[in-house]
Amino acid sequence: MFSQASNTDTIATFAAVFVTLWVAHTVGDHWVQTSVQSAKKGQHDRNPGQSSRVGRLACTRHVIGLTLTKALLLALSAIVLDLPLSVAGVAIGLGLDAASHWWADRRSTLAWLAEVTGKTEFYNLGTGAHPFHPVTAEGKPAGHIGTGAYALDQAFHAFFLFIAALVIAAV
């Protein structure tokens, strides 16, 4: 078991790493990601179940930019706060986070997860597919900020940021 000092250091490192990853995730997902990556990362061919090369490449480019943002901010935090991070812990943690982010951002995968967990109605919230979607005076789907898909996407990413922070702090 950990000694009290070691345990306290690990807890503090976890907290600093999680906050850093959360901020880096927000910056990477919303400022670093390009409009083209956002629009095309979920693109699939017409044949169901076949991912298009364009979609896979857009998603890969997004995750590379996102992961570099996380690595840079994590390095800054480690230097400024003198965090005891290992190369293995950072590599494993960021690798798990990157893989999970790529999986979710292909979109059909997260839609599938919503379906198998009974969250399809919430996933469709804010879109024309939801029975109570917002509409304009003309009855057309209305623009708004946020959807159920976005909320589930961000919650999925937050869960893996938590896992990544645990790994990075503990390894």
C-alpha atoms as a PDB file:
ATOM      1  CA  MET A   1       0.000   0.000   0.000  1.00  0.00           C
ATOM      2  CA  PHE A   2       1.084   3.611  -0.446  1.00  0.00           C
ATOM      3  CA  SER A   3       2.583   5.565   2.411  1.00  0.00           C
ATOM      4  CA  GLN A   4       0.617   8.648   3.452  1.00  0.00           C
ATOM      5  CA  ALA A   5       3.072  11.038   1.743  1.00  0.00           C
ATOM      6  CA  SER A   6       3.143   8.953  -1.437  1.00  0.00           C
ATOM      7  CA  ASN A   7      -0.652   8.688  -1.490  1.00  0.00           C
ATOM      8  CA  THR A   8      -1.030  12.445  -1.050  1.00  0.00           C
ATOM      9  CA  ASP A   9       1.454  13.065  -3.876  1.00  0.00           C
ATOM     10  CA  THR A  10      -0.434  10.673  -6.161  1.00  0.00           C
ATOM     11  CA  ILE A  11      -3.776  12.316  -5.352  1.00  0.00           C
ATOM     12  CA  ALA A  12      -2.365  15.797  -6.010  1.00  0.00           C
ATOM     13  CA  THR A  13      -0.766  14.602  -9.246  1.00  0.00           C
ATOM     14  CA  PHE A  14      -4.059  13.035 -10.355  1.00  0.00           C
ATOM     15  CA  ALA A  15      -5.937  16.281  -9.649  1.00  0.00           C
ATOM     16  CA  ALA A  16      -3.406  18.412 -11.530  1.00  0.00           C
ATOM     17  CA  VAL A  17      -3.299  15.990 -14.463  1.00  0.00           C
ATOM     18  CA  PHE A  18      -7.091  15.734 -14.704  1.00  0.00           C
ATOM     19  CA  VAL A  19      -7.570  19.510 -14.680  1.00  0.00           C
ATOM     20  CA  THR A  20      -4.822  19.895 -17.283  1.00  0.00           C
ATOM     21  CA  LEU A  21      -6.332  17.206 -19.522  1.00  0.00           C
ATOM     22  CA  TRP A  22      -9.804  18.720 -19.180  1.00  0.00           C
ATOM     23  CA  VAL A  23      -8.605  22.189 -20.204  1.00  0.00           C
ATOM     24  CA  ALA A  24      -6.486  20.741 -23.029  1.00  0.00           C
ATOM     25  CA  HIS A  25      -9.439  18.643 -24.193  1.00  0.00           C
ATOM     26  CA  THR A  26     -11.689  21.696 -24.352  1.00  0.00           C
ATOM     27  CA  VAL A  27      -9.075  23.721 -26.226  1.00  0.00           C
ATOM     28  CA  GLY A  28      -8.220  20.845 -28.570  1.00  0.00           C
ATOM     29  CA  ASP A  29     -11.803  19.853 -29.292  1.00  0.00           C
ATOM     30  CA  HIS A  30     -13.065  23.381 -29.899  1.00  0.00           C
ATOM     31  CA  TRP A  31     -10.126  25.612 -30.904  1.00  0.00           C
ATOM     32  CA  VAL A  32      -7.525  23.287 -32.427  1.00  0.00           C
ATOM     33  CA  GLN A  33      -9.920  21.085 -34.387  1.00  0.00           C
ATOM     34  CA  THR A  34     -10.578  22.519 -37.842  1.00  0.00           C
ATOM     35  CA  SER A  35     -14.029  22.941 -39.358  1.00  0.00           C
ATOM     36  CA  VAL A  36     -13.127  20.383 -42.034  1.00  0.00           C
ATOM     37  CA  GLN A  37     -12.092  17.828 -39.399  1.00  0.00           C
ATOM     38  CA  SER A  38     -15.305  18.427 -37.489  1.00  0.00           C
ATOM     39  CA  ALA A  39     -17.464  18.101 -40.588  1.00  0.00           C
ATOM     40  CA  LYS A  40     -15.750  15.069 -42.099  1.00  0.00           C
ATOM     41  CA  LYS A  41     -14.477  12.965 -39.153  1.00  0.00           C
ATOM     42  CA  GLY A  42     -17.704  10.963 -39.025  1.00  0.00           C
ATOM     43  CA  GLN A  43     -17.999  10.527 -42.798  1.00  0.00           C
ATOM     44  CA  HIS A  44     -18.706   6.996 -44.013  1.00  0.00           C
ATOM     45  CA  ASP A  45     -19.119   5.408 -47.414  1.00  0.00           C
ATOM     46  CA  ARG A  46     -22.596   4.638 -48.701  1.00  0.00           C
ATOM     47  CA  ASN A  47     -22.185   0.969 -47.791  1.00  0.00           C
ATOM     48  CA  PRO A  48     -23.196   0.578 -44.121  1.00  0.00           C
ATOM     49  CA  GLY A  49     -20.378  -0.434 -41.820  1.00  0.00           C
ATOM     50  CA  GLN A  50     -17.611   0.731 -44.164  1.00  0.00           C
ATOM     51  CA  SER A  51     -15.612   3.724 -42.993  1.00  0.00           C
ATOM     52  CA  SER A  52     -14.463   6.137 -45.656  1.00  0.00           C
ATOM     53  CA  ARG A  53     -10.831   7.061 -46.001  1.00  0.00           C
ATOM     54  CA  VAL A  54     -11.759  10.769 -45.837  1.00  0.00           C
ATOM     55  CA  GLY A  55     -13.571  10.313 -42.529  1.00  0.00           C
ATOM     56  CA  ARG A  56     -10.825   8.200 -40.986  1.00  0.00           C
ATOM     57  CA  LEU A  57      -8.139  10.700 -42.028  1.00  0.00           C
ATOM     58  CA  ALA A  58     -10.109  13.706 -40.757  1.00  0.00           C
ATOM     59  CA  CYS A  59     -10.677  11.966 -37.428  1.00  0.00           C
ATOM     60  CA  THR A  60      -7.013  10.943 -37.208  1.00  0.00           C
ATOM     61  CA  ARG A  61      -5.839  14.506 -37.896  1.00  0.00           C
ATOM     62  CA  HIS A  62      -8.216  15.813 -35.236  1.00  0.00           C
ATOM     63  CA  VAL A  63      -7.008  13.313 -32.639  1.00  0.00           C
ATOM     64  CA  ILE A  64      -3.354  14.072 -33.435  1.00  0.00           C
ATOM     65  CA  GLY A  65      -3.939  17.813 -32.886  1.00  0.00           C
ATOM     66  CA  LEU A  66      -5.959  17.112 -29.753  1.00  0.00           C
ATOM     67  CA  THR A  67      -3.330  14.756 -28.311  1.00  0.00           C
ATOM     68  CA  LEU A  68      -0.499  17.186 -29.081  1.00  0.00           C
ATOM     69  CA  THR A  69      -2.465  19.909 -27.279  1.00  0.00           C
ATOM     70  CA  LYS A  70      -2.865  17.608 -24.264  1.00  0.00           C
ATOM     71  CA  ALA A  71       0.822  16.638 -24.326  1.00  0.00           C
ATOM     72  CA  LEU A  72       1.965  20.276 -24.519  1.00  0.00           C
ATOM     73  CA  LEU A  73      -0.269  21.470 -21.687  1.00  0.00           C
ATOM     74  CA  LEU A  74       0.622  18.405 -19.622  1.00  0.00           C
ATOM     75  CA  ALA A  75       4.344  19.116 -20.145  1.00  0.00           C
ATOM     76  CA  LEU A  76       3.783  22.743 -19.100  1.00  0.00           C
ATOM     77  CA  SER A  77       1.925  21.642 -15.957  1.00  0.00           C
ATOM     78  CA  ALA A  78       4.583  19.038 -15.163  1.00  0.00           C
ATOM     79  CA  ILE A  79       7.358  21.655 -15.427  1.00  0.00           C
ATOM     80  CA  VAL A  80       5.598  24.450 -13.553  1.00  0.00           C
ATOM     81  CA  LEU A  81       4.113  22.217 -10.833  1.00  0.00           C
ATOM     82  CA  ASP A  82       7.048  19.780 -10.695  1.00  0.00           C
ATOM     83  CA  LEU A  83       4.713  16.824 -11.251  1.00  0.00           C
ATOM     84  CA  PRO A  84       6.286  13.377 -10.912  1.00  0.00           C
ATOM     85  CA  LEU A  85       5.159  11.979 -14.277  1.00  0.00           C
ATOM     86  CA  SER A  86       6.670   8.971 -16.000  1.00  0.00           C
ATOM     87  CA  VAL A  87       7.092   8.691 -19.743  1.00  0.00           C
ATOM     88  CA  ALA A  88       5.296   5.318 -19.628  1.00  0.00           C
ATOM     89  CA  GLY A  89       2.347   6.723 -17.650  1.00  0.00           C
ATOM     90  CA  VAL A  90       1.938   9.680 -19.997  1.00  0.00           C
ATOM     91  CA  ALA A  91       2.279   7.506 -23.116  1.00  0.00           C
ATOM     92  CA  ILE A  92      -0.230   4.915 -21.889  1.00  0.00           C
ATOM     93  CA  GLY A  93      -2.694   7.505 -20.560  1.00  0.00           C
ATOM     94  CA  LEU A  94      -2.614   9.708 -23.659  1.00  0.00           C
ATOM     95  CA  GLY A  95      -2.703   6.623 -25.886  1.00  0.00           C
ATOM     96  CA  LEU A  96      -5.870   5.308 -24.198  1.00  0.00           C
ATOM     97  CA  ASP A  97      -7.439   8.742 -24.393  1.00  0.00           C
ATOM     98  CA  ALA A  98      -6.530   9.186 -28.074  1.00  0.00           C
ATOM     99  CA  ALA A  99      -7.871   5.748 -29.039  1.00  0.00           C
ATOM    100  CA  SER A 100     -11.139   6.294 -27.165  1.00  0.00           C
ATOM    101  CA  HIS A 101     -11.514   9.774 -28.647  1.00  0.00           C
ATOM    102  CA  TRP A 102     -10.985   8.510 -32.193  1.00  0.00           C
ATOM    103  CA  TRP A 103     -13.523   5.698 -31.609  1.00  0.00           C
ATOM    104  CA  ALA A 104     -16.217   8.067 -30.330  1.00  0.00           C
ATOM    105  CA  ASP A 105     -15.584  10.772 -32.913  1.00  0.00           C
ATOM    106  CA  ARG A 106     -16.281   8.465 -35.837  1.00  0.00           C
ATOM    107  CA  ARG A 107     -19.882   9.199 -34.732  1.00  0.00           C
ATOM    108  CA  SER A 108     -21.551   5.950 -35.821  1.00  0.00           C
ATOM    109  CA  THR A 109     -19.765   4.202 -32.948  1.00  0.00           C
ATOM    110  CA  LEU A 110     -21.100   6.605 -30.327  1.00  0.00           C
ATOM    111  CA  ALA A 111     -24.580   6.421 -31.908  1.00  0.00           C
ATOM    112  CA  TRP A 112     -24.342   2.621 -31.612  1.00  0.00           C
ATOM    113  CA  LEU A 113     -23.323   2.918 -27.934  1.00  0.00           C
ATOM    114  CA  ALA A 114     -26.273   5.237 -27.309  1.00  0.00           C
ATOM    115  CA  GLU A 115     -28.572   2.712 -28.967  1.00  0.00           C
ATOM    116  CA  VAL A 116     -27.369  -0.319 -26.976  1.00  0.00           C
ATOM    117  CA  THR A 117     -27.570   1.623 -23.701  1.00  0.00           C
ATOM    118  CA  GLY A 118     -31.085   2.910 -24.373  1.00  0.00           C
ATOM    119  CA  LYS A 119     -29.972   6.517 -24.945  1.00  0.00           C
ATOM    120  CA  THR A 120     -31.050   6.970 -28.573  1.00  0.00           C
ATOM    121  CA  GLU A 121     -33.808   9.451 -27.743  1.00  0.00           C
ATOM    122  CA  PHE A 122     -31.374  11.570 -25.725  1.00  0.00           C
ATOM    123  CA  TYR A 123     -28.710  11.182 -28.438  1.00  0.00           C
ATOM    124  CA  ASN A 124     -31.207  12.643 -30.946  1.00  0.00           C
ATOM    125  CA  LEU A 125     -32.198  15.530 -28.644  1.00  0.00           C
ATOM    126  CA  GLY A 126     -31.825  18.834 -30.467  1.00  0.00           C
ATOM    127  CA  THR A 127     -31.947  17.267 -33.935  1.00  0.00           C
ATOM    128  CA  GLY A 128     -34.751  16.760 -36.418  1.00  0.00           C
ATOM    129  CA  ALA A 129     -34.746  13.059 -35.462  1.00  0.00           C
ATOM    130  CA  HIS A 130     -36.022  13.834 -31.940  1.00  0.00           C
ATOM    131  CA  PRO A 131     -39.830  13.920 -31.569  1.00  0.00           C
ATOM    132  CA  PHE A 132     -39.670  17.250 -29.703  1.00  0.00           C
ATOM    133  CA  HIS A 133     -37.014  19.004 -31.796  1.00  0.00           C
ATOM    134  CA  PRO A 134     -37.082  22.791 -31.881  1.00  0.00           C
ATOM    135  CA  VAL A 135     -38.674  24.306 -34.960  1.00  0.00           C
ATOM    136  CA  THR A 136     -38.955  27.710 -36.587  1.00  0.00           C
ATOM    137  CA  ALA A 137     -42.272  29.459 -37.174  1.00  0.00           C
ATOM    138  CA  GLU A 138     -42.297  27.734 -40.589  1.00  0.00           C
ATOM    139  CA  GLY A 139     -42.001  24.329 -38.908  1.00  0.00           C
ATOM    140  CA  LYS A 140     -38.426  23.680 -40.058  1.00  0.00           C
ATOM    141  CA  PRO A 141     -35.715  22.473 -37.641  1.00  0.00           C
ATOM    142  CA  ALA A 142     -34.429  25.471 -35.679  1.00  0.00           C
ATOM    143  CA  GLY A 143     -30.804  26.258 -35.036  1.00  0.00           C
ATOM    144  CA  HIS A 144     -29.645  26.055 -31.429  1.00  0.00           C
ATOM    145  CA  ILE A 145     -26.599  25.293 -29.387  1.00  0.00           C
ATOM    146  CA  GLY A 146     -26.031  21.753 -28.187  1.00  0.00           C
ATOM    147  CA  THR A 147     -27.489  18.348 -28.875  1.00  0.00           C
ATOM    148  CA  GLY A 148     -27.830  15.112 -26.977  1.00  0.00           C
ATOM    149  CA  ALA A 149     -25.148  13.646 -29.239  1.00  0.00           C
ATOM    150  CA  TYR A 150     -22.742  16.427 -28.217  1.00  0.00           C
ATOM    151  CA  ALA A 151     -23.524  15.968 -24.505  1.00  0.00           C
ATOM    152  CA  LEU A 152     -22.983  12.197 -24.710  1.00  0.00           C
ATOM    153  CA  ASP A 153     -19.793  12.747 -26.752  1.00  0.00           C
ATOM    154  CA  GLN A 154     -18.344  15.099 -24.138  1.00  0.00           C
ATOM    155  CA  ALA A 155     -19.368  12.828 -21.239  1.00  0.00           C
ATOM    156  CA  PHE A 156     -17.677   9.882 -22.991  1.00  0.00           C
ATOM    157  CA  HIS A 157     -14.509  11.942 -23.442  1.00  0.00           C
ATOM    158  CA  ALA A 158     -14.598  13.133 -19.793  1.00  0.00           C
ATOM    159  CA  PHE A 159     -14.776   9.518 -18.616  1.00  0.00           C
ATOM    160  CA  PHE A 160     -11.655   8.655 -20.593  1.00  0.00           C
ATOM    161  CA  LEU A 161      -9.891  11.811 -19.380  1.00  0.00           C
ATOM    162  CA  PHE A 162     -10.537  10.500 -15.864  1.00  0.00           C
ATOM    163  CA  ILE A 163      -9.078   7.080 -16.794  1.00  0.00           C
ATOM    164  CA  ALA A 164      -6.085   8.717 -18.504  1.00  0.00           C
ATOM    165  CA  ALA A 165      -5.423  10.917 -15.437  1.00  0.00           C
ATOM    166  CA  LEU A 166      -5.546   7.864 -13.148  1.00  0.00           C
ATOM    167  CA  VAL A 167      -3.071   6.006 -15.347  1.00  0.00           C
ATOM    168  CA  ILE A 168      -0.750   8.993 -15.742  1.00  0.00           C
ATOM    169  CA  ALA A 169      -0.721   9.688 -11.997  1.00  0.00           C
ATOM    170  CA  ALA A 170      -0.314   6.054 -10.940  1.00  0.00           C
ATOM    171  CA  VAL A 171       2.216   4.678 -13.456  1.00  0.00           C
END
